[in-house]
């Protein structure tokens, strides 16, 4: 019973690790570079992002625990659903260094489009295993849809930035 609590916490905290690292490594680029980009009027305030990602990472982390638990841990049945989750999480973590760190809008766009596909695949693979876990991914998919649209708009509206750092 005590061990299950540790697993619950571990799975729930895991997504925050890469998210925090991505923010920490790229935090200086936000005021220097991001603020100067042309962005659409519907772009969320910078203050929204940490709040949103804290809730989204917590939900997806707990959902991954539910799936892992329902599949009996790291069994052969868990390879596809947790593999998809791990792959989308890796692409999620890769986006800030590509966008903010490398300032490479082309690669950030490719990354988020692949991320969208993997996140949808994760939800579809989780639904038959644990519907609550799948439903916990819906806010994440909604936010990803907005983030994808935002990335596309920034990519289109800032053509000089597409290939990456030039300084």
N, C-alpha and C. Protein backbone atom coordinates (compact mmCIF):
# COMPACT_ATOMS: atom_id res chain seq x y z
N UNK A 1 0.83 -1.20 0.00
CA UNK A 1 0.00 0.00 0.00
C UNK A 1 0.87 1.26 0.00
N UNK A 2 1.91 1.28 0.82
CA UNK A 2 2.82 2.42 0.86
C UNK A 2 3.56 2.60 -0.44
N UNK A 3 3.90 1.50 -1.07
CA UNK A 3 4.61 1.55 -2.35
C UNK A 3 3.71 2.15 -3.44
N UNK A 4 2.41 1.82 -3.42
CA UNK A 4 1.50 2.35 -4.43
C UNK A 4 1.41 3.88 -4.33
N UNK A 5 1.45 4.39 -3.11
CA UNK A 5 1.45 5.83 -2.92
C UNK A 5 2.67 6.44 -3.60
N UNK A 6 3.82 5.80 -3.43
CA UNK A 6 5.06 6.30 -4.05
C UNK A 6 4.96 6.25 -5.57
N UNK A 7 4.38 5.19 -6.12
CA UNK A 7 4.19 5.12 -7.56
C UNK A 7 3.26 6.22 -8.06
N UNK A 8 2.18 6.44 -7.32
CA UNK A 8 1.23 7.48 -7.70
C UNK A 8 1.93 8.83 -7.77
N UNK A 9 2.69 9.16 -6.74
CA UNK A 9 3.41 10.43 -6.69
C UNK A 9 4.45 10.48 -7.81
N UNK A 10 5.21 9.41 -7.98
CA UNK A 10 6.26 9.37 -9.00
C UNK A 10 5.71 9.61 -10.41
N UNK A 11 4.66 8.89 -10.76
CA UNK A 11 4.06 9.06 -12.09
C UNK A 11 3.48 10.46 -12.25
N UNK A 12 2.89 10.99 -11.18
CA UNK A 12 2.26 12.31 -11.26
C UNK A 12 3.30 13.42 -11.37
N UNK A 13 4.44 13.25 -10.73
CA UNK A 13 5.49 14.28 -10.75
C UNK A 13 6.34 14.22 -12.01
N UNK A 14 6.50 13.02 -12.59
CA UNK A 14 7.42 12.85 -13.73
C UNK A 14 7.25 13.89 -14.83
N UNK A 15 6.05 14.16 -15.35
CA UNK A 15 5.96 15.14 -16.44
C UNK A 15 6.46 16.53 -16.06
N UNK A 16 6.33 16.87 -14.78
CA UNK A 16 6.78 18.18 -14.30
C UNK A 16 8.29 18.34 -14.42
N UNK A 17 9.03 17.23 -14.33
CA UNK A 17 10.50 17.30 -14.35
C UNK A 17 10.99 17.92 -15.65
N UNK A 18 10.56 17.35 -16.78
CA UNK A 18 10.97 17.89 -18.08
C UNK A 18 10.40 19.27 -18.33
N UNK A 19 9.16 19.48 -17.89
CA UNK A 19 8.54 20.79 -18.06
C UNK A 19 9.29 21.87 -17.32
N UNK A 20 9.67 21.58 -16.07
CA UNK A 20 10.43 22.55 -15.28
C UNK A 20 11.81 22.78 -15.90
N UNK A 21 12.47 21.69 -16.30
CA UNK A 21 13.80 21.80 -16.91
C UNK A 21 13.74 22.66 -18.18
N UNK A 22 12.71 22.42 -19.02
CA UNK A 22 12.55 23.21 -20.24
C UNK A 22 12.37 24.69 -19.94
N UNK A 23 11.56 24.98 -18.92
CA UNK A 23 11.36 26.38 -18.53
C UNK A 23 12.66 26.96 -17.99
N UNK A 24 13.31 26.23 -17.08
CA UNK A 24 14.51 26.73 -16.41
C UNK A 24 15.61 27.05 -17.42
N UNK A 25 15.84 26.14 -18.36
CA UNK A 25 16.92 26.33 -19.34
C UNK A 25 16.63 27.45 -20.33
N UNK A 26 15.36 27.74 -20.56
CA UNK A 26 15.00 28.71 -21.59
C UNK A 26 14.37 29.99 -21.05
N UNK A 27 14.33 30.15 -19.73
CA UNK A 27 13.60 31.27 -19.12
C UNK A 27 14.15 32.63 -19.53
N UNK A 28 15.44 32.73 -19.84
CA UNK A 28 16.02 34.02 -20.22
C UNK A 28 15.66 34.41 -21.65
N UNK A 29 15.31 33.41 -22.48
CA UNK A 29 14.95 33.69 -23.87
C UNK A 29 13.57 34.32 -23.99
N UNK A 30 12.72 34.13 -22.98
CA UNK A 30 11.34 34.60 -23.09
C UNK A 30 11.29 36.12 -23.17
N UNK A 31 11.86 36.84 -22.18
CA UNK A 31 11.79 38.31 -22.30
C UNK A 31 12.66 38.85 -23.44
N UNK A 32 13.76 38.18 -23.74
CA UNK A 32 14.70 38.68 -24.74
C UNK A 32 14.16 38.48 -26.16
N UNK A 33 13.61 37.31 -26.44
CA UNK A 33 13.25 36.96 -27.82
C UNK A 33 11.74 36.81 -28.03
N UNK A 34 11.10 36.02 -27.19
CA UNK A 34 9.69 35.70 -27.39
C UNK A 34 8.80 36.94 -27.37
N UNK A 35 9.08 37.85 -26.45
CA UNK A 35 8.25 39.05 -26.33
C UNK A 35 8.30 39.91 -27.59
N UNK A 36 9.36 39.78 -28.37
CA UNK A 36 9.51 40.60 -29.58
C UNK A 36 8.85 39.97 -30.80
N UNK A 37 8.45 38.70 -30.71
CA UNK A 37 7.80 38.05 -31.85
C UNK A 37 6.41 38.63 -32.10
N UNK A 38 6.01 38.60 -33.35
CA UNK A 38 4.64 38.97 -33.68
C UNK A 38 3.75 37.79 -33.29
N UNK A 39 2.75 38.07 -32.42
CA UNK A 39 1.84 37.02 -31.93
C UNK A 39 0.40 37.47 -32.15
N UNK A 40 -0.51 36.52 -32.30
CA UNK A 40 -1.91 36.88 -32.50
C UNK A 40 -2.52 37.46 -31.22
N UNK A 41 -3.62 38.17 -31.38
CA UNK A 41 -4.29 38.81 -30.24
C UNK A 41 -4.79 37.79 -29.22
N UNK A 42 -5.05 36.56 -29.65
CA UNK A 42 -5.58 35.53 -28.76
C UNK A 42 -4.49 34.74 -28.03
N UNK A 43 -3.26 35.17 -28.17
CA UNK A 43 -2.15 34.50 -27.47
C UNK A 43 -2.33 34.67 -25.96
N UNK A 44 -2.30 33.56 -25.20
CA UNK A 44 -2.46 33.69 -23.74
C UNK A 44 -1.33 34.50 -23.11
N UNK A 45 -1.65 35.11 -21.99
CA UNK A 45 -0.66 35.85 -21.21
C UNK A 45 0.44 34.90 -20.75
N UNK A 46 1.66 35.41 -20.64
CA UNK A 46 2.79 34.60 -20.14
C UNK A 46 2.48 34.00 -18.78
N UNK A 47 1.71 34.69 -17.96
CA UNK A 47 1.39 34.20 -16.61
C UNK A 47 0.50 32.96 -16.64
N UNK A 48 -0.22 32.75 -17.74
CA UNK A 48 -1.12 31.59 -17.86
C UNK A 48 -0.35 30.28 -18.02
N UNK A 49 0.80 30.33 -18.67
CA UNK A 49 1.50 29.11 -19.04
C UNK A 49 1.92 28.24 -17.85
N UNK A 50 2.55 28.80 -16.80
CA UNK A 50 2.93 27.92 -15.68
C UNK A 50 1.72 27.32 -14.96
N UNK A 51 0.65 28.08 -14.86
CA UNK A 51 -0.56 27.58 -14.21
C UNK A 51 -1.15 26.44 -15.04
N UNK A 52 -1.30 26.69 -16.33
CA UNK A 52 -1.87 25.68 -17.22
C UNK A 52 -1.01 24.41 -17.23
N UNK A 53 0.28 24.56 -17.39
CA UNK A 53 1.14 23.37 -17.48
C UNK A 53 1.21 22.61 -16.17
N UNK A 54 1.12 23.29 -15.04
CA UNK A 54 1.09 22.58 -13.76
C UNK A 54 -0.14 21.67 -13.70
N UNK A 55 -1.29 22.19 -14.08
CA UNK A 55 -2.51 21.38 -14.06
C UNK A 55 -2.45 20.27 -15.11
N UNK A 56 -1.98 20.59 -16.30
CA UNK A 56 -1.95 19.60 -17.39
C UNK A 56 -0.96 18.47 -17.09
N UNK A 57 0.24 18.82 -16.63
CA UNK A 57 1.23 17.79 -16.29
C UNK A 57 0.74 16.91 -15.14
N UNK A 58 0.08 17.51 -14.16
CA UNK A 58 -0.45 16.73 -13.03
C UNK A 58 -1.50 15.75 -13.53
N UNK A 59 -2.42 16.22 -14.35
CA UNK A 59 -3.47 15.35 -14.88
C UNK A 59 -2.92 14.22 -15.73
N UNK A 60 -1.99 14.54 -16.63
CA UNK A 60 -1.45 13.48 -17.50
C UNK A 60 -0.57 12.53 -16.71
N UNK A 61 0.15 13.02 -15.72
CA UNK A 61 0.98 12.15 -14.90
C UNK A 61 0.14 11.17 -14.10
N UNK A 62 -0.91 11.67 -13.47
CA UNK A 62 -1.79 10.79 -12.71
C UNK A 62 -2.49 9.79 -13.64
N UNK A 63 -2.90 10.26 -14.80
CA UNK A 63 -3.53 9.37 -15.78
C UNK A 63 -2.58 8.25 -16.19
N UNK A 64 -1.30 8.56 -16.36
CA UNK A 64 -0.34 7.52 -16.74
C UNK A 64 -0.20 6.49 -15.62
N UNK A 65 -0.29 6.95 -14.38
CA UNK A 65 -0.27 6.01 -13.25
C UNK A 65 -1.48 5.08 -13.33
N UNK A 66 -2.67 5.62 -13.60
CA UNK A 66 -3.88 4.79 -13.68
C UNK A 66 -3.72 3.71 -14.74
N UNK A 67 -3.19 4.07 -15.90
CA UNK A 67 -3.01 3.10 -16.99
C UNK A 67 -1.96 2.06 -16.58
N UNK A 68 -0.84 2.52 -16.06
CA UNK A 68 0.21 1.61 -15.61
C UNK A 68 -0.34 0.62 -14.57
N UNK A 69 -1.09 1.13 -13.61
CA UNK A 69 -1.65 0.30 -12.55
C UNK A 69 -2.66 -0.71 -13.12
N UNK A 70 -3.54 -0.26 -14.00
CA UNK A 70 -4.53 -1.15 -14.59
C UNK A 70 -3.91 -2.24 -15.45
N UNK A 71 -2.74 -1.97 -16.01
CA UNK A 71 -2.06 -2.96 -16.85
C UNK A 71 -1.11 -3.85 -16.04
N UNK A 72 -1.10 -3.66 -14.73
CA UNK A 72 -0.27 -4.49 -13.87
C UNK A 72 1.20 -4.13 -13.89
N UNK A 73 1.50 -2.86 -14.11
CA UNK A 73 2.89 -2.42 -14.13
C UNK A 73 3.46 -2.47 -15.54
N UNK A 74 4.74 -2.71 -15.61
CA UNK A 74 5.43 -2.70 -16.91
C UNK A 74 5.32 -4.06 -17.58
N UNK A 75 4.11 -4.43 -17.95
CA UNK A 75 3.87 -5.70 -18.62
C UNK A 75 3.96 -5.50 -20.13
N UNK A 76 3.88 -6.59 -20.87
CA UNK A 76 3.92 -6.48 -22.33
C UNK A 76 2.71 -5.71 -22.85
N UNK A 77 1.59 -5.76 -22.12
CA UNK A 77 0.40 -5.01 -22.52
C UNK A 77 0.61 -3.50 -22.39
N UNK A 78 1.59 -3.11 -21.60
CA UNK A 78 1.83 -1.68 -21.35
C UNK A 78 2.75 -1.04 -22.38
N UNK A 79 3.40 -1.84 -23.22
CA UNK A 79 4.41 -1.31 -24.14
C UNK A 79 3.84 -0.22 -25.05
N UNK A 80 2.73 -0.51 -25.72
CA UNK A 80 2.17 0.48 -26.67
C UNK A 80 1.56 1.68 -25.93
N UNK A 81 0.64 1.48 -24.97
CA UNK A 81 0.03 2.67 -24.36
C UNK A 81 1.03 3.54 -23.60
N UNK A 82 1.95 2.93 -22.87
CA UNK A 82 2.93 3.75 -22.13
C UNK A 82 4.08 4.19 -23.04
N UNK A 83 4.35 3.43 -24.09
CA UNK A 83 5.34 3.86 -25.08
C UNK A 83 4.89 5.11 -25.82
N UNK A 84 3.61 5.13 -26.23
CA UNK A 84 3.05 6.33 -26.86
C UNK A 84 3.11 7.52 -25.91
N UNK A 85 2.75 7.27 -24.66
CA UNK A 85 2.80 8.33 -23.64
C UNK A 85 4.23 8.86 -23.49
N UNK A 86 5.19 7.96 -23.37
CA UNK A 86 6.59 8.38 -23.22
C UNK A 86 7.09 9.15 -24.42
N UNK A 87 6.71 8.71 -25.61
CA UNK A 87 7.15 9.40 -26.84
C UNK A 87 6.55 10.80 -26.92
N UNK A 88 5.25 10.92 -26.60
CA UNK A 88 4.64 12.25 -26.66
C UNK A 88 5.22 13.15 -25.57
N UNK A 89 5.53 12.58 -24.42
CA UNK A 89 6.13 13.37 -23.35
C UNK A 89 7.51 13.88 -23.76
N UNK A 90 8.28 13.03 -24.44
CA UNK A 90 9.61 13.45 -24.92
C UNK A 90 9.48 14.60 -25.92
N UNK A 91 8.51 14.52 -26.83
CA UNK A 91 8.30 15.62 -27.78
C UNK A 91 7.79 16.87 -27.07
N UNK A 92 6.97 16.68 -26.05
CA UNK A 92 6.49 17.81 -25.25
C UNK A 92 7.68 18.52 -24.62
N UNK A 93 8.57 17.75 -24.03
CA UNK A 93 9.75 18.33 -23.38
C UNK A 93 10.72 18.94 -24.39
N UNK A 94 10.73 18.45 -25.63
CA UNK A 94 11.65 18.95 -26.65
C UNK A 94 11.21 20.30 -27.22
N UNK A 95 9.91 20.60 -27.14
CA UNK A 95 9.42 21.83 -27.78
C UNK A 95 10.06 23.10 -27.23
N UNK A 96 10.11 23.33 -25.90
CA UNK A 96 10.72 24.59 -25.43
C UNK A 96 12.17 24.79 -25.86
N UNK A 97 13.04 23.77 -25.79
CA UNK A 97 14.41 24.01 -26.27
C UNK A 97 14.47 24.32 -27.77
N UNK A 98 13.59 23.70 -28.56
CA UNK A 98 13.56 23.99 -30.00
C UNK A 98 13.04 25.41 -30.26
N UNK A 99 11.94 25.74 -29.59
CA UNK A 99 11.30 27.04 -29.83
C UNK A 99 12.08 28.18 -29.19
N UNK A 100 12.29 28.10 -27.89
CA UNK A 100 12.94 29.19 -27.16
C UNK A 100 14.46 29.12 -27.23
N UNK A 101 15.02 27.94 -26.99
CA UNK A 101 16.48 27.79 -26.94
C UNK A 101 17.13 27.96 -28.30
N UNK A 102 16.71 27.14 -29.28
CA UNK A 102 17.28 27.20 -30.63
C UNK A 102 16.61 28.28 -31.47
N UNK A 103 15.45 28.77 -31.00
CA UNK A 103 14.65 29.74 -31.76
C UNK A 103 14.35 29.21 -33.16
N UNK A 104 14.15 27.91 -33.25
CA UNK A 104 13.94 27.27 -34.54
C UNK A 104 12.45 26.96 -34.71
N UNK A 105 11.75 27.88 -35.35
CA UNK A 105 10.31 27.73 -35.52
C UNK A 105 9.96 26.56 -36.43
N UNK A 106 10.81 26.26 -37.40
CA UNK A 106 10.56 25.10 -38.27
C UNK A 106 10.54 23.81 -37.46
N UNK A 107 11.57 23.59 -36.66
CA UNK A 107 11.65 22.35 -35.88
C UNK A 107 10.59 22.33 -34.78
N UNK A 108 10.30 23.47 -34.18
CA UNK A 108 9.26 23.52 -33.15
C UNK A 108 7.91 23.15 -33.75
N UNK A 109 7.65 23.61 -34.97
CA UNK A 109 6.39 23.27 -35.64
C UNK A 109 6.32 21.78 -35.95
N UNK A 110 7.39 21.22 -36.50
CA UNK A 110 7.42 19.77 -36.77
C UNK A 110 7.21 18.99 -35.47
N UNK A 111 7.89 19.42 -34.42
CA UNK A 111 7.78 18.76 -33.12
C UNK A 111 6.34 18.76 -32.63
N UNK A 112 5.68 19.91 -32.64
CA UNK A 112 4.33 19.98 -32.06
C UNK A 112 3.31 19.23 -32.92
N UNK A 113 3.51 19.19 -34.23
CA UNK A 113 2.60 18.42 -35.08
C UNK A 113 2.75 16.92 -34.81
N UNK A 114 3.97 16.45 -34.63
CA UNK A 114 4.19 15.04 -34.25
C UNK A 114 3.64 14.77 -32.85
N UNK A 115 3.85 15.72 -31.96
CA UNK A 115 3.34 15.62 -30.59
C UNK A 115 1.82 15.46 -30.60
N UNK A 116 1.14 16.25 -31.42
CA UNK A 116 -0.32 16.15 -31.52
C UNK A 116 -0.74 14.73 -31.88
N UNK A 117 -0.10 14.16 -32.89
CA UNK A 117 -0.44 12.80 -33.32
C UNK A 117 -0.20 11.77 -32.23
N UNK A 118 0.93 11.90 -31.54
CA UNK A 118 1.23 10.95 -30.46
C UNK A 118 0.30 11.12 -29.27
N UNK A 119 -0.07 12.35 -28.96
CA UNK A 119 -0.99 12.59 -27.84
C UNK A 119 -2.37 12.02 -28.15
N UNK A 120 -2.83 12.18 -29.38
CA UNK A 120 -4.12 11.59 -29.78
C UNK A 120 -4.02 10.06 -29.74
N UNK A 121 -2.90 9.52 -30.23
CA UNK A 121 -2.68 8.08 -30.17
C UNK A 121 -2.66 7.57 -28.73
N UNK A 122 -2.07 8.34 -27.84
CA UNK A 122 -2.04 7.97 -26.42
C UNK A 122 -3.45 7.89 -25.87
N UNK A 123 -4.24 8.93 -26.11
CA UNK A 123 -5.62 8.95 -25.62
C UNK A 123 -6.40 7.74 -26.18
N UNK A 124 -6.27 7.49 -27.47
CA UNK A 124 -7.00 6.37 -28.09
C UNK A 124 -6.56 5.02 -27.52
N UNK A 125 -5.28 4.88 -27.22
CA UNK A 125 -4.79 3.61 -26.65
C UNK A 125 -5.19 3.46 -25.19
N UNK A 126 -5.38 4.57 -24.48
CA UNK A 126 -5.76 4.51 -23.06
C UNK A 126 -7.24 4.31 -22.84
N UNK A 127 -8.07 4.77 -23.78
CA UNK A 127 -9.51 4.73 -23.58
C UNK A 127 -10.04 3.34 -23.24
N UNK A 128 -9.64 2.28 -23.95
CA UNK A 128 -10.15 0.95 -23.57
C UNK A 128 -9.59 0.43 -22.24
N UNK A 129 -8.48 0.99 -21.80
CA UNK A 129 -7.83 0.53 -20.56
C UNK A 129 -8.43 1.22 -19.35
N UNK A 130 -8.54 2.54 -19.43
CA UNK A 130 -9.04 3.33 -18.31
C UNK A 130 -9.65 4.62 -18.85
N UNK A 131 -10.96 4.71 -18.85
CA UNK A 131 -11.64 5.88 -19.42
C UNK A 131 -11.33 7.15 -18.66
N UNK A 132 -11.18 7.06 -17.35
CA UNK A 132 -10.84 8.26 -16.56
C UNK A 132 -9.48 8.79 -17.01
N UNK A 133 -8.52 7.90 -17.20
CA UNK A 133 -7.19 8.32 -17.66
C UNK A 133 -7.29 9.01 -19.02
N UNK A 134 -8.08 8.43 -19.92
CA UNK A 134 -8.25 9.04 -21.24
C UNK A 134 -8.90 10.42 -21.12
N UNK A 135 -9.91 10.52 -20.28
CA UNK A 135 -10.59 11.81 -20.10
C UNK A 135 -9.67 12.85 -19.47
N UNK A 136 -8.76 12.41 -18.62
CA UNK A 136 -7.79 13.35 -18.01
C UNK A 136 -6.86 13.96 -19.06
N UNK A 137 -6.74 13.33 -20.22
CA UNK A 137 -5.91 13.87 -21.30
C UNK A 137 -6.64 14.92 -22.14
N UNK A 138 -7.96 15.00 -22.03
CA UNK A 138 -8.71 15.95 -22.87
C UNK A 138 -8.30 17.41 -22.67
N UNK A 139 -8.12 17.90 -21.43
CA UNK A 139 -7.65 19.29 -21.29
C UNK A 139 -6.27 19.50 -21.95
N UNK A 140 -5.41 18.50 -21.84
CA UNK A 140 -4.09 18.55 -22.46
C UNK A 140 -4.24 18.66 -23.98
N UNK A 141 -5.09 17.84 -24.56
CA UNK A 141 -5.30 17.91 -26.02
C UNK A 141 -5.88 19.26 -26.43
N UNK A 142 -6.77 19.80 -25.61
CA UNK A 142 -7.31 21.13 -25.90
C UNK A 142 -6.23 22.19 -25.88
N UNK A 143 -5.37 22.14 -24.88
CA UNK A 143 -4.27 23.11 -24.77
C UNK A 143 -3.29 22.91 -25.92
N UNK A 144 -3.01 21.66 -26.27
CA UNK A 144 -2.12 21.38 -27.40
C UNK A 144 -2.68 21.94 -28.70
N UNK A 145 -3.99 21.85 -28.87
CA UNK A 145 -4.61 22.40 -30.08
C UNK A 145 -4.36 23.91 -30.15
N UNK A 146 -4.54 24.60 -29.03
CA UNK A 146 -4.28 26.03 -28.99
C UNK A 146 -2.79 26.30 -29.23
N UNK A 147 -1.92 25.52 -28.57
CA UNK A 147 -0.47 25.72 -28.71
C UNK A 147 -0.02 25.45 -30.14
N UNK A 148 -0.64 24.48 -30.79
CA UNK A 148 -0.30 24.18 -32.19
C UNK A 148 -0.71 25.34 -33.08
N UNK A 149 -1.93 25.84 -32.89
CA UNK A 149 -2.39 27.00 -33.67
C UNK A 149 -1.50 28.21 -33.43
N UNK A 150 -1.10 28.41 -32.19
CA UNK A 150 -0.22 29.52 -31.84
C UNK A 150 1.15 29.35 -32.51
N UNK A 151 1.69 28.15 -32.46
CA UNK A 151 2.99 27.87 -33.10
C UNK A 151 2.90 28.13 -34.60
N UNK A 152 1.81 27.67 -35.23
CA UNK A 152 1.63 27.89 -36.67
C UNK A 152 1.56 29.38 -36.98
N UNK A 153 0.79 30.13 -36.19
CA UNK A 153 0.67 31.57 -36.43
C UNK A 153 2.01 32.29 -36.24
N UNK A 154 2.74 31.94 -35.18
CA UNK A 154 4.04 32.57 -34.95
C UNK A 154 5.00 32.19 -36.08
N UNK A 155 4.95 30.94 -36.52
CA UNK A 155 5.78 30.46 -37.64
C UNK A 155 5.47 31.25 -38.91
N UNK A 156 4.18 31.45 -39.19
CA UNK A 156 3.77 32.18 -40.40
C UNK A 156 4.08 33.67 -40.31
N UNK A 157 3.88 34.26 -39.14
CA UNK A 157 4.00 35.71 -38.97
C UNK A 157 5.41 36.20 -38.69
N UNK A 158 6.35 35.29 -38.49
CA UNK A 158 7.74 35.67 -38.18
C UNK A 158 8.69 34.89 -39.10
N UNK A 159 8.60 35.13 -40.42
CA UNK A 159 9.38 34.31 -41.37
C UNK A 159 10.89 34.39 -41.17
N UNK A 160 11.37 35.51 -40.66
CA UNK A 160 12.82 35.67 -40.47
C UNK A 160 13.35 34.78 -39.34
N UNK A 161 12.46 34.23 -38.53
CA UNK A 161 12.85 33.42 -37.38
C UNK A 161 12.77 31.91 -37.65
N UNK A 162 12.31 31.50 -38.80
CA UNK A 162 11.99 30.09 -39.04
C UNK A 162 13.16 29.13 -38.86
N UNK A 163 14.34 29.50 -39.30
CA UNK A 163 15.46 28.55 -39.32
C UNK A 163 16.23 28.46 -38.02
N UNK A 164 16.03 29.37 -37.10
CA UNK A 164 16.74 29.29 -35.82
C UNK A 164 17.58 30.52 -35.55
N UNK A 165 18.40 30.40 -34.50
CA UNK A 165 19.22 31.53 -34.04
C UNK A 165 20.11 32.03 -35.17
N UNK A 166 20.20 33.32 -35.27
CA UNK A 166 21.08 33.90 -36.30
C UNK A 166 22.11 34.84 -35.68
N UNK A 167 22.03 34.99 -34.36
CA UNK A 167 22.99 35.91 -33.71
C UNK A 167 24.15 35.20 -33.11
